[in-house]
Amino acid sequence: MMRNRQRGSNLGLLLLASQVFQLGFDNIPPITLATLGLNVYLFLFPVKPLLQTCLSVQQAYWYRDWNRLLLSPFHHVDDMHLYFNMASFLYKGIKLERKLGGSGFAYLLSVFSMLTGLVYLLLEAGLTQMTEDSSYSMQCAVGFSGVLFGLKVVNNHYYPGGVTYIIGLPVASRYACWVELILIHIMNPGTSFVGHLSGILVGLLYTSGPLKRVMKTFAGYSGYGMPYPPNSSYDQQFNSRHNSAPYGDPYETHMPSAPPQHPYTAGLSEEEQYEAAVRASLNNSGAATQTRSSQNIYAHNNPSTEEIRWRRLQRFNR
């Protein structure tokens, strides 16, 4: 369901900026950071009014406004809609970009953004035909949450196992997207159930269907070069610099439960995972400092042979 965009105090933008600065720009790989920046920019300076960017069968197919396939994933209803989607995207983007490399992740995002919209149109058109109710063709969806559901499926594929806590209940990560799909729709009926479902189906087409093979084949013919694993020097340099980053391992395994979900969370429990990863990063930094201090003390109390020789020469010179 569409609402008029409300800016208010832009609390969501402040919360998002706080999380980005806590994490640090150097810890966010370039494609993830660029996608985050694009979403924020288009929220502040939208290409068109919201009602002209949302995606529906009526607007895209009947009226041939196919530009909405490109615009709808990157526009958001309000600042909190943007915040929850982008905070969740940071968690997924950092892990998947490190796994696929920058060019591979950019390719994945491009395909998922387009294909999620196409699957959404097909599902809504099918519901219109099955129920003979044209209202399905007029439902207009906007936002990045459909793509996020697809990325969640891919993330669980590359990082299997673990447990996600949803409203205090432990759920195996491989089933979390389905539980979230149902709970979000029950708790907030105004959200796009079909849009979220479309993302899950696209994710399954990639992990269990032919989509990944098709993408690799097309990349080979086009000369684009989809790296699996990443093979560009830039990607390897970034990964080598961030091998100890807090997102190297899945943090969703033993996290506490999240508060009741916002309509646009697409996995709000990951916000606490995100914060825990930041705390873990800070703790690791403190541990590294303590380790270096201990090493210095050890080196002082246990000098090497060269150090002993140097000290004797100093005493002799004095």
C-alpha atoms as a PDB file:
ATOM      1  CA  MET A   1       0.000   0.000   0.000  1.00  0.00           C
ATOM      2  CA  MET A   2       1.372   3.412  -0.945  1.00  0.00           C
ATOM      3  CA  ARG A   3       1.551   6.379   1.364  1.00  0.00           C
ATOM      4  CA  ASN A   4       2.697   9.922   0.754  1.00  0.00           C
ATOM      5  CA  ARG A   5       6.364  10.412   1.591  1.00  0.00           C
ATOM      6  CA  GLN A   6       6.893  11.845   5.036  1.00  0.00           C
ATOM      7  CA  ARG A   7      10.220  13.335   5.993  1.00  0.00           C
ATOM      8  CA  GLY A   8       9.523  14.479   9.559  1.00  0.00           C
ATOM      9  CA  SER A   9      12.701  14.880  11.594  1.00  0.00           C
ATOM     10  CA  ASN A  10      14.622  12.446   9.383  1.00  0.00           C
ATOM     11  CA  LEU A  11      15.351  10.289  12.413  1.00  0.00           C
ATOM     12  CA  GLY A  12      15.949   7.322  10.123  1.00  0.00           C
ATOM     13  CA  LEU A  13      18.725   9.170   8.296  1.00  0.00           C
ATOM     14  CA  LEU A  14      20.392  10.050  11.601  1.00  0.00           C
ATOM     15  CA  LEU A  15      20.211   6.440  12.789  1.00  0.00           C
ATOM     16  CA  LEU A  16      21.620   5.187   9.497  1.00  0.00           C
ATOM     17  CA  ALA A  17      24.463   7.720   9.583  1.00  0.00           C
ATOM     18  CA  SER A  18      25.258   6.697  13.163  1.00  0.00           C
ATOM     19  CA  GLN A  19      25.561   3.036  12.192  1.00  0.00           C
ATOM     20  CA  VAL A  20      27.726   3.807   9.165  1.00  0.00           C
ATOM     21  CA  PHE A  21      30.114   5.947  11.222  1.00  0.00           C
ATOM     22  CA  GLN A  22      30.250   3.340  13.988  1.00  0.00           C
ATOM     23  CA  LEU A  23      31.195   0.685  11.494  1.00  0.00           C
ATOM     24  CA  GLY A  24      33.600   2.922   9.594  1.00  0.00           C
ATOM     25  CA  PHE A  25      33.700   3.627   5.878  1.00  0.00           C
ATOM     26  CA  ASP A  26      36.861   1.563   5.487  1.00  0.00           C
ATOM     27  CA  ASN A  27      34.983  -1.555   6.658  1.00  0.00           C
ATOM     28  CA  ILE A  28      32.246  -1.207   4.020  1.00  0.00           C
ATOM     29  CA  PRO A  29      33.225  -2.584   0.589  1.00  0.00           C
ATOM     30  CA  PRO A  30      32.765  -0.217  -2.376  1.00  0.00           C
ATOM     31  CA  ILE A  31      29.687  -1.690  -4.084  1.00  0.00           C
ATOM     32  CA  THR A  32      27.783  -1.939  -0.798  1.00  0.00           C
ATOM     33  CA  LEU A  33      28.731   1.636   0.069  1.00  0.00           C
ATOM     34  CA  ALA A  34      27.796   2.913  -3.395  1.00  0.00           C
ATOM     35  CA  THR A  35      24.396   1.182  -3.268  1.00  0.00           C
ATOM     36  CA  LEU A  36      23.761   2.642   0.176  1.00  0.00           C
ATOM     37  CA  GLY A  37      24.720   6.094  -1.104  1.00  0.00           C
ATOM     38  CA  LEU A  38      22.448   5.740  -4.146  1.00  0.00           C
ATOM     39  CA  ASN A  39      19.432   4.887  -1.994  1.00  0.00           C
ATOM     40  CA  VAL A  40      20.080   7.807   0.360  1.00  0.00           C
ATOM     41  CA  TYR A  41      20.625  10.213  -2.539  1.00  0.00           C
ATOM     42  CA  LEU A  42      17.402   9.180  -4.284  1.00  0.00           C
ATOM     43  CA  PHE A  43      15.512   9.552  -1.021  1.00  0.00           C
ATOM     44  CA  LEU A  44      16.770  13.112  -0.608  1.00  0.00           C
ATOM     45  CA  PHE A  45      16.570  13.952  -4.329  1.00  0.00           C
ATOM     46  CA  PRO A  46      14.042  11.576  -5.937  1.00  0.00           C
ATOM     47  CA  VAL A  47      13.984  11.267  -9.712  1.00  0.00           C
ATOM     48  CA  LYS A  48      10.187  11.480  -9.703  1.00  0.00           C
ATOM     49  CA  PRO A  49       7.397  11.717  -7.126  1.00  0.00           C
ATOM     50  CA  LEU A  50       6.814   8.477  -5.249  1.00  0.00           C
ATOM     51  CA  LEU A  51       3.566   7.663  -7.057  1.00  0.00           C
ATOM     52  CA  GLN A  52       5.472   7.823 -10.350  1.00  0.00           C
ATOM     53  CA  THR A  53       8.214   5.414  -9.250  1.00  0.00           C
ATOM     54  CA  CYS A  54       6.231   2.617  -7.577  1.00  0.00           C
ATOM     55  CA  LEU A  55       5.734  -0.589  -9.557  1.00  0.00           C
ATOM     56  CA  SER A  56       2.385  -2.079 -10.548  1.00  0.00           C
ATOM     57  CA  VAL A  57       0.962  -4.090 -13.436  1.00  0.00           C
ATOM     58  CA  GLN A  58      -1.283  -1.189 -14.326  1.00  0.00           C
ATOM     59  CA  GLN A  59       1.528   1.352 -14.633  1.00  0.00           C
ATOM     60  CA  ALA A  60       4.323  -0.848 -15.983  1.00  0.00           C
ATOM     61  CA  TYR A  61       2.443  -3.203 -18.316  1.00  0.00           C
ATOM     62  CA  TRP A  62      -0.822  -1.509 -19.196  1.00  0.00           C
ATOM     63  CA  TYR A  63       0.667   1.968 -19.579  1.00  0.00           C
ATOM     64  CA  ARG A  64       4.114   0.742 -20.713  1.00  0.00           C
ATOM     65  CA  ASP A  65       6.006   2.685 -18.034  1.00  0.00           C
ATOM     66  CA  TRP A  66       8.868   0.185 -17.774  1.00  0.00           C
ATOM     67  CA  ASN A  67      11.186   2.728 -16.163  1.00  0.00           C
ATOM     68  CA  ARG A  68       9.505   1.842 -12.880  1.00  0.00           C
ATOM     69  CA  LEU A  69      11.394  -1.459 -12.903  1.00  0.00           C
ATOM     70  CA  LEU A  70      14.587   0.547 -12.499  1.00  0.00           C
ATOM     71  CA  LEU A  71      13.276   3.200 -10.131  1.00  0.00           C
ATOM     72  CA  SER A  72      11.044   1.353  -7.686  1.00  0.00           C
ATOM     73  CA  PRO A  73      13.725  -0.616  -5.745  1.00  0.00           C
ATOM     74  CA  PHE A  74      15.731   2.543  -4.984  1.00  0.00           C
ATOM     75  CA  HIS A  75      12.963   4.824  -3.730  1.00  0.00           C
ATOM     76  CA  HIS A  76      11.454   4.666  -0.239  1.00  0.00           C
ATOM     77  CA  VAL A  77       8.282   5.840   1.420  1.00  0.00           C
ATOM     78  CA  ASP A  78       9.893   7.608   4.376  1.00  0.00           C
ATOM     79  CA  ASP A  79      13.147   7.849   6.299  1.00  0.00           C
ATOM     80  CA  MET A  80      12.396   4.879   8.580  1.00  0.00           C
ATOM     81  CA  HIS A  81      11.572   2.742   5.556  1.00  0.00           C
ATOM     82  CA  LEU A  82      14.977   3.711   4.175  1.00  0.00           C
ATOM     83  CA  TYR A  83      16.756   3.139   7.501  1.00  0.00           C
ATOM     84  CA  PHE A  84      15.529  -0.384   8.151  1.00  0.00           C
ATOM     85  CA  ASN A  85      16.153  -1.481   4.582  1.00  0.00           C
ATOM     86  CA  MET A  86      19.652  -0.009   4.383  1.00  0.00           C
ATOM     87  CA  ALA A  87      20.740  -1.193   7.836  1.00  0.00           C
ATOM     88  CA  SER A  88      19.704  -4.700   6.868  1.00  0.00           C
ATOM     89  CA  PHE A  89      21.416  -4.290   3.484  1.00  0.00           C
ATOM     90  CA  LEU A  90      24.712  -3.310   5.155  1.00  0.00           C
ATOM     91  CA  TYR A  91      24.847  -6.643   6.970  1.00  0.00           C
ATOM     92  CA  LYS A  92      24.083  -8.687   3.859  1.00  0.00           C
ATOM     93  CA  GLY A  93      26.103  -6.543   1.474  1.00  0.00           C
ATOM     94  CA  ILE A  94      29.353  -6.711   3.435  1.00  0.00           C
ATOM     95  CA  LYS A  95      29.226 -10.494   3.702  1.00  0.00           C
ATOM     96  CA  LEU A  96      28.136 -11.163   0.120  1.00  0.00           C
ATOM     97  CA  GLU A  97      30.527  -8.670  -1.456  1.00  0.00           C
ATOM     98  CA  ARG A  98      33.410 -10.275   0.400  1.00  0.00           C
ATOM     99  CA  LYS A  99      32.202 -13.644  -0.894  1.00  0.00           C
ATOM    100  CA  LEU A 100      31.517 -12.714  -4.520  1.00  0.00           C
ATOM    101  CA  GLY A 101      33.890  -9.810  -5.035  1.00  0.00           C
ATOM    102  CA  GLY A 102      32.898  -6.297  -6.028  1.00  0.00           C
ATOM    103  CA  SER A 103      32.052  -6.949  -9.682  1.00  0.00           C
ATOM    104  CA  GLY A 104      30.220 -10.197  -8.888  1.00  0.00           C
ATOM    105  CA  PHE A 105      28.132  -8.517  -6.181  1.00  0.00           C
ATOM    106  CA  ALA A 106      27.316  -5.564  -8.450  1.00  0.00           C
ATOM    107  CA  TYR A 107      26.154  -8.024 -11.110  1.00  0.00           C
ATOM    108  CA  LEU A 108      24.034  -9.886  -8.560  1.00  0.00           C
ATOM    109  CA  LEU A 109      22.402  -6.656  -7.330  1.00  0.00           C
ATOM    110  CA  SER A 110      21.620  -5.528 -10.872  1.00  0.00           C
ATOM    111  CA  VAL A 111      19.963  -8.813 -11.800  1.00  0.00           C
ATOM    112  CA  PHE A 112      18.058  -9.138  -8.520  1.00  0.00           C
ATOM    113  CA  SER A 113      16.770  -5.554  -8.693  1.00  0.00           C
ATOM    114  CA  MET A 114      15.299  -6.096 -12.153  1.00  0.00           C
ATOM    115  CA  LEU A 115      14.185  -9.686 -11.760  1.00  0.00           C
ATOM    116  CA  THR A 116      12.403  -9.115  -8.439  1.00  0.00           C
ATOM    117  CA  GLY A 117      10.264  -6.477 -10.139  1.00  0.00           C
ATOM    118  CA  LEU A 118       9.499  -8.762 -13.093  1.00  0.00           C
ATOM    119  CA  VAL A 119       8.490 -11.645 -10.807  1.00  0.00           C
ATOM    120  CA  TYR A 120       6.324  -9.214  -8.839  1.00  0.00           C
ATOM    121  CA  LEU A 121       4.510  -8.186 -12.013  1.00  0.00           C
ATOM    122  CA  LEU A 122       3.989 -11.812 -13.048  1.00  0.00           C
ATOM    123  CA  LEU A 123       2.575 -12.768  -9.648  1.00  0.00           C
ATOM    124  CA  GLU A 124       0.226  -9.792  -9.501  1.00  0.00           C
ATOM    125  CA  ALA A 125      -0.948 -10.429 -13.074  1.00  0.00           C
ATOM    126  CA  GLY A 126      -1.501 -14.096 -12.209  1.00  0.00           C
ATOM    127  CA  LEU A 127      -3.545 -13.172  -9.149  1.00  0.00           C
ATOM    128  CA  THR A 128      -5.616 -10.819 -11.279  1.00  0.00           C
ATOM    129  CA  GLN A 129      -6.387 -13.620 -13.734  1.00  0.00           C
ATOM    130  CA  MET A 130      -7.093 -16.222 -11.049  1.00  0.00           C
ATOM    131  CA  THR A 131      -9.365 -14.069  -8.908  1.00  0.00           C
ATOM    132  CA  GLU A 132     -10.737 -11.812 -11.660  1.00  0.00           C
ATOM    133  CA  ASP A 133      -9.964  -8.948  -9.296  1.00  0.00           C
ATOM    134  CA  SER A 134      -8.200  -6.044 -11.021  1.00  0.00           C
ATOM    135  CA  SER A 135      -7.121  -4.528  -7.703  1.00  0.00           C
ATOM    136  CA  TYR A 136      -4.092  -6.816  -7.711  1.00  0.00           C
ATOM    137  CA  SER A 137      -2.888  -5.172 -10.911  1.00  0.00           C
ATOM    138  CA  MET A 138      -3.196  -1.743  -9.307  1.00  0.00           C
ATOM    139  CA  GLN A 139      -1.220  -2.463  -6.143  1.00  0.00           C
ATOM    140  CA  CYS A 140       1.907  -0.332  -6.290  1.00  0.00           C
ATOM    141  CA  ALA A 141       5.103  -1.377  -4.495  1.00  0.00           C
ATOM    142  CA  VAL A 142       8.279   0.572  -3.799  1.00  0.00           C
ATOM    143  CA  GLY A 143      11.463  -0.024  -1.817  1.00  0.00           C
ATOM    144  CA  PHE A 144      14.468  -2.297  -1.552  1.00  0.00           C
ATOM    145  CA  SER A 145      12.925  -4.916   0.742  1.00  0.00           C
ATOM    146  CA  GLY A 146      12.066  -7.347  -2.069  1.00  0.00           C
ATOM    147  CA  VAL A 147      15.722  -7.400  -3.156  1.00  0.00           C
ATOM    148  CA  LEU A 148      16.718  -7.827   0.499  1.00  0.00           C
ATOM    149  CA  PHE A 149      14.648 -10.990   0.814  1.00  0.00           C
ATOM    150  CA  GLY A 150      16.435 -12.379  -2.221  1.00  0.00           C
ATOM    151  CA  LEU A 151      19.829 -11.456  -0.772  1.00  0.00           C
ATOM    152  CA  LYS A 152      18.859 -13.129   2.492  1.00  0.00           C
ATOM    153  CA  VAL A 153      18.255 -16.410   0.645  1.00  0.00           C
ATOM    154  CA  VAL A 154      21.645 -16.105  -1.083  1.00  0.00           C
ATOM    155  CA  ASN A 155      23.388 -15.197   2.181  1.00  0.00           C
ATOM    156  CA  ASN A 156      21.945 -18.255   3.914  1.00  0.00           C
ATOM    157  CA  HIS A 157      23.091 -20.340   0.953  1.00  0.00           C
ATOM    158  CA  TYR A 158      26.710 -19.189   1.180  1.00  0.00           C
ATOM    159  CA  TYR A 159      26.742 -19.154   5.001  1.00  0.00           C
ATOM    160  CA  PRO A 160      24.557 -22.151   5.930  1.00  0.00           C
ATOM    161  CA  GLY A 161      23.549 -23.128   9.423  1.00  0.00           C
ATOM    162  CA  GLY A 162      22.978 -20.907  12.394  1.00  0.00           C
ATOM    163  CA  VAL A 163      19.889 -19.604  14.106  1.00  0.00           C
ATOM    164  CA  THR A 164      18.008 -16.333  13.689  1.00  0.00           C
ATOM    165  CA  TYR A 165      15.838 -15.003  16.523  1.00  0.00           C
ATOM    166  CA  ILE A 166      12.491 -13.634  15.368  1.00  0.00           C
ATOM    167  CA  ILE A 167      10.323 -12.068  18.079  1.00  0.00           C
ATOM    168  CA  GLY A 168      12.239 -14.097  20.631  1.00  0.00           C
ATOM    169  CA  LEU A 169      11.811 -17.415  18.832  1.00  0.00           C
ATOM    170  CA  PRO A 170      14.862 -19.275  17.470  1.00  0.00           C
ATOM    171  CA  VAL A 171      14.406 -20.159  13.803  1.00  0.00           C
ATOM    172  CA  ALA A 172      16.868 -21.993  11.570  1.00  0.00           C
ATOM    173  CA  SER A 173      18.366 -19.376   9.249  1.00  0.00           C
ATOM    174  CA  ARG A 174      17.383 -21.315   6.126  1.00  0.00           C
ATOM    175  CA  TYR A 175      13.696 -20.910   7.065  1.00  0.00           C
ATOM    176  CA  ALA A 176      13.929 -17.406   8.534  1.00  0.00           C
ATOM    177  CA  CYS A 177      12.906 -15.607   5.347  1.00  0.00           C
ATOM    178  CA  TRP A 178       9.647 -17.590   5.162  1.00  0.00           C
ATOM    179  CA  VAL A 179       8.821 -16.933   8.810  1.00  0.00           C
ATOM    180  CA  GLU A 180       9.583 -13.231   8.395  1.00  0.00           C
ATOM    181  CA  LEU A 181       7.466 -13.099   5.233  1.00  0.00           C
ATOM    182  CA  ILE A 182       4.418 -14.398   7.090  1.00  0.00           C
ATOM    183  CA  LEU A 183       4.932 -12.480  10.333  1.00  0.00           C
ATOM    184  CA  ILE A 184       5.530  -9.126   8.625  1.00  0.00           C
ATOM    185  CA  HIS A 185       2.351  -9.558   6.598  1.00  0.00           C
ATOM    186  CA  ILE A 186       0.316 -10.547   9.672  1.00  0.00           C
ATOM    187  CA  MET A 187       1.658  -7.733  11.843  1.00  0.00           C
ATOM    188  CA  ASN A 188       1.590  -5.115   9.071  1.00  0.00           C
ATOM    189  CA  PRO A 189      -0.942  -6.036   6.376  1.00  0.00           C
ATOM    190  CA  GLY A 190      -0.159  -2.855   4.434  1.00  0.00           C
ATOM    191  CA  THR A 191       3.240  -4.149   3.362  1.00  0.00           C
ATOM    192  CA  SER A 192       3.713  -5.835   0.003  1.00  0.00           C
ATOM    193  CA  PHE A 193       3.469  -9.576   0.627  1.00  0.00           C
ATOM    194  CA  VAL A 194       3.858 -10.289  -3.090  1.00  0.00           C
ATOM    195  CA  GLY A 195       6.889  -7.996  -3.324  1.00  0.00           C
ATOM    196  CA  HIS A 196       8.674  -9.811  -0.487  1.00  0.00           C
ATOM    197  CA  LEU A 197       7.677 -13.200  -1.890  1.00  0.00           C
ATOM    198  CA  SER A 198       9.092 -12.177  -5.268  1.00  0.00           C
ATOM    199  CA  GLY A 199      12.475 -11.560  -3.663  1.00  0.00           C
ATOM    200  CA  ILE A 200      12.485 -14.987  -2.030  1.00  0.00           C
ATOM    201  CA  LEU A 201      11.596 -16.671  -5.321  1.00  0.00           C
ATOM    202  CA  VAL A 202      14.398 -14.849  -7.131  1.00  0.00           C
ATOM    203  CA  GLY A 203      16.819 -15.919  -4.402  1.00  0.00           C
ATOM    204  CA  LEU A 204      15.705 -19.532  -4.789  1.00  0.00           C
ATOM    205  CA  LEU A 205      16.082 -19.302  -8.566  1.00  0.00           C
ATOM    206  CA  TYR A 206      19.701 -18.342  -7.923  1.00  0.00           C
ATOM    207  CA  THR A 207      20.550 -20.880  -5.210  1.00  0.00           C
ATOM    208  CA  SER A 208      18.425 -23.845  -6.347  1.00  0.00           C
ATOM    209  CA  GLY A 209      17.415 -23.013  -9.899  1.00  0.00           C
ATOM    210  CA  PRO A 210      19.091 -22.097 -13.178  1.00  0.00           C
ATOM    211  CA  LEU A 211      19.592 -18.375 -12.540  1.00  0.00           C
ATOM    212  CA  LYS A 212      23.194 -18.606 -11.332  1.00  0.00           C
ATOM    213  CA  ARG A 213      24.232 -20.682 -14.362  1.00  0.00           C
ATOM    214  CA  VAL A 214      22.432 -18.319 -16.726  1.00  0.00           C
ATOM    215  CA  MET A 215      24.140 -15.317 -15.151  1.00  0.00           C
ATOM    216  CA  LYS A 216      27.574 -16.924 -15.422  1.00  0.00           C
ATOM    217  CA  THR A 217      26.933 -17.939 -19.040  1.00  0.00           C
ATOM    218  CA  PHE A 218      25.735 -14.468 -19.990  1.00  0.00           C
ATOM    219  CA  ALA A 219      28.697 -12.873 -18.212  1.00  0.00           C
ATOM    220  CA  GLY A 220      31.042 -15.117 -20.173  1.00  0.00           C
ATOM    221  CA  TYR A 221      29.480 -14.249 -23.537  1.00  0.00           C
ATOM    222  CA  SER A 222      29.393 -10.533 -22.788  1.00  0.00           C
ATOM    223  CA  GLY A 223      32.964 -10.454 -21.563  1.00  0.00           C
ATOM    224  CA  TYR A 224      31.758  -8.972 -18.269  1.00  0.00           C
ATOM    225  CA  GLY A 225      33.555 -11.613 -16.280  1.00  0.00           C
ATOM    226  CA  MET A 226      31.601 -12.638 -13.192  1.00  0.00           C
ATOM    227  CA  PRO A 227      34.189 -13.704 -10.613  1.00  0.00           C
ATOM    228  CA  TYR A 228      33.383 -16.806  -8.546  1.00  0.00           C
ATOM    229  CA  PRO A 229      35.470 -16.563  -6.413  1.00  0.00           C
ATOM    230  CA  PRO A 230      36.604 -12.933  -6.860  1.00  0.00           C
ATOM    231  CA  ASN A 231      39.656 -12.612  -9.081  1.00  0.00           C
ATOM    232  CA  SER A 232      40.124  -8.905  -9.636  1.00  0.00           C
ATOM    233  CA  SER A 233      43.163  -7.369  -7.978  1.00  0.00           C
ATOM    234  CA  TYR A 234      41.046  -4.705  -6.307  1.00  0.00           C
ATOM    235  CA  ASP A 235      38.689  -7.270  -4.793  1.00  0.00           C
ATOM    236  CA  GLN A 236      41.595  -9.358  -3.550  1.00  0.00           C
ATOM    237  CA  GLN A 237      43.289  -6.316  -2.034  1.00  0.00           C
ATOM    238  CA  PHE A 238      40.097  -5.312  -0.251  1.00  0.00           C
ATOM    239  CA  ASN A 239      39.500  -8.805   1.073  1.00  0.00           C
ATOM    240  CA  SER A 240      43.114  -9.168   2.238  1.00  0.00           C
ATOM    241  CA  ARG A 241      42.858  -5.886   4.133  1.00  0.00           C
ATOM    242  CA  HIS A 242      39.608  -6.927   5.810  1.00  0.00           C
ATOM    243  CA  ASN A 243      40.087 -10.606   6.538  1.00  0.00           C
ATOM    244  CA  SER A 244      39.793  -9.788  10.240  1.00  0.00           C
ATOM    245  CA  ALA A 245      36.704  -7.634   9.803  1.00  0.00           C
ATOM    246  CA  PRO A 246      33.801  -8.486  12.099  1.00  0.00           C
ATOM    247  CA  TYR A 247      31.631  -9.613   9.188  1.00  0.00           C
ATOM    248  CA  GLY A 248      33.937 -12.430   8.167  1.00  0.00           C
ATOM    249  CA  ASP A 249      31.807 -14.888  10.115  1.00  0.00           C
ATOM    250  CA  PRO A 250      28.030 -15.047  10.393  1.00  0.00           C
ATOM    251  CA  TYR A 251      26.907 -13.255  13.538  1.00  0.00           C
ATOM    252  CA  GLU A 252      23.290 -14.364  13.412  1.00  0.00           C
ATOM    253  CA  THR A 253      23.810 -17.643  15.270  1.00  0.00           C
ATOM    254  CA  HIS A 254      23.321 -16.728  18.905  1.00  0.00           C
ATOM    255  CA  MET A 255      21.896 -13.252  18.923  1.00  0.00           C
ATOM    256  CA  PRO A 256      19.161 -12.047  21.299  1.00  0.00           C
ATOM    257  CA  SER A 257      15.654 -11.517  20.051  1.00  0.00           C
ATOM    258  CA  ALA A 258      14.690  -8.362  18.235  1.00  0.00           C
ATOM    259  CA  PRO A 259      11.836  -6.050  19.229  1.00  0.00           C
ATOM    260  CA  PRO A 260       8.522  -6.304  17.321  1.00  0.00           C
ATOM    261  CA  GLN A 261       9.256  -5.742  13.687  1.00  0.00           C
ATOM    262  CA  HIS A 262       8.789  -2.522  11.769  1.00  0.00           C
ATOM    263  CA  PRO A 263       6.695  -2.893   8.589  1.00  0.00           C
ATOM    264  CA  TYR A 264       9.778  -2.514   6.418  1.00  0.00           C
ATOM    265  CA  THR A 265      12.418  -4.446   8.315  1.00  0.00           C
ATOM    266  CA  ALA A 266      12.915  -7.355   5.898  1.00  0.00           C
ATOM    267  CA  GLY A 267      14.646  -9.051   8.854  1.00  0.00           C
ATOM    268  CA  LEU A 268      14.840  -6.665  11.805  1.00  0.00           C
ATOM    269  CA  SER A 269      16.622  -9.207  13.980  1.00  0.00           C
ATOM    270  CA  GLU A 270      19.701  -8.499  11.906  1.00  0.00           C
ATOM    271  CA  GLU A 271      19.860  -4.987  13.340  1.00  0.00           C
ATOM    272  CA  GLU A 272      20.896  -6.452  16.661  1.00  0.00           C
ATOM    273  CA  GLN A 273      23.266  -8.706  14.758  1.00  0.00           C
ATOM    274  CA  TYR A 274      24.695  -5.609  13.115  1.00  0.00           C
ATOM    275  CA  GLU A 275      25.180  -3.856  16.460  1.00  0.00           C
ATOM    276  CA  ALA A 276      26.745  -6.979  17.946  1.00  0.00           C
ATOM    277  CA  ALA A 277      29.184  -7.129  15.054  1.00  0.00           C
ATOM    278  CA  VAL A 278      30.179  -3.509  15.705  1.00  0.00           C
ATOM    279  CA  ARG A 279      30.677  -4.247  19.399  1.00  0.00           C
ATOM    280  CA  ALA A 280      32.712  -7.309  18.464  1.00  0.00           C
ATOM    281  CA  SER A 281      34.866  -5.144  16.226  1.00  0.00           C
ATOM    282  CA  LEU A 282      35.505  -2.697  19.062  1.00  0.00           C
ATOM    283  CA  ASN A 283      36.261  -5.559  21.437  1.00  0.00           C
ATOM    284  CA  ASN A 284      38.673  -7.050  18.934  1.00  0.00           C
ATOM    285  CA  SER A 285      40.431  -3.690  18.660  1.00  0.00           C
ATOM    286  CA  GLY A 286      40.791  -3.536  22.440  1.00  0.00           C
ATOM    287  CA  ALA A 287      42.054  -7.104  22.534  1.00  0.00           C
ATOM    288  CA  ALA A 288      44.610  -6.325  19.847  1.00  0.00           C
ATOM    289  CA  THR A 289      45.888  -3.335  21.850  1.00  0.00           C
ATOM    290  CA  GLN A 290      46.155  -5.441  24.981  1.00  0.00           C
ATOM    291  CA  THR A 291      48.003  -8.157  23.046  1.00  0.00           C
ATOM    292  CA  ARG A 292      50.514  -5.666  21.691  1.00  0.00           C
ATOM    293  CA  SER A 293      51.142  -4.331  25.211  1.00  0.00           C
ATOM    294  CA  SER A 294      51.711  -7.854  26.490  1.00  0.00           C
ATOM    295  CA  GLN A 295      54.123  -8.544  23.649  1.00  0.00           C
ATOM    296  CA  ASN A 296      56.101  -5.397  24.469  1.00  0.00           C
ATOM    297  CA  ILE A 297      56.381  -6.398  28.134  1.00  0.00           C
ATOM    298  CA  TYR A 298      57.470  -9.887  27.132  1.00  0.00           C
ATOM    299  CA  ALA A 299      60.073  -8.503  24.733  1.00  0.00           C
ATOM    300  CA  HIS A 300      61.428  -6.237  27.470  1.00  0.00           C
ATOM    301  CA  ASN A 301      61.706  -9.020  30.041  1.00  0.00           C
ATOM    302  CA  ASN A 302      62.975 -11.616  27.562  1.00  0.00           C
ATOM    303  CA  PRO A 303      65.492  -9.859  25.305  1.00  0.00           C
ATOM    304  CA  SER A 304      67.007 -11.570  22.297  1.00  0.00           C
ATOM    305  CA  THR A 305      70.702 -12.369  21.939  1.00  0.00           C
ATOM    306  CA  GLU A 306      71.217  -9.284  19.777  1.00  0.00           C
ATOM    307  CA  GLU A 307      69.437  -7.144  22.380  1.00  0.00           C
ATOM    308  CA  ILE A 308      71.729  -8.466  25.150  1.00  0.00           C
ATOM    309  CA  ARG A 309      74.814  -7.751  23.031  1.00  0.00           C
ATOM    310  CA  TRP A 310      73.560  -4.222  22.296  1.00  0.00           C
ATOM    311  CA  ARG A 311      72.960  -3.509  26.013  1.00  0.00           C
ATOM    312  CA  ARG A 312      76.472  -4.697  26.922  1.00  0.00           C
ATOM    313  CA  LEU A 313      77.993  -2.396  24.293  1.00  0.00           C
ATOM    314  CA  GLN A 314      75.977   0.515  25.643  1.00  0.00           C
ATOM    315  CA  ARG A 315      77.260  -0.126  29.168  1.00  0.00           C
ATOM    316  CA  PHE A 316      80.831  -0.416  27.852  1.00  0.00           C
ATOM    317  CA  ASN A 317      80.549   2.875  25.964  1.00  0.00           C
ATOM    318  CA  ARG A 318      79.232   4.637  29.025  1.00  0.00           C
END
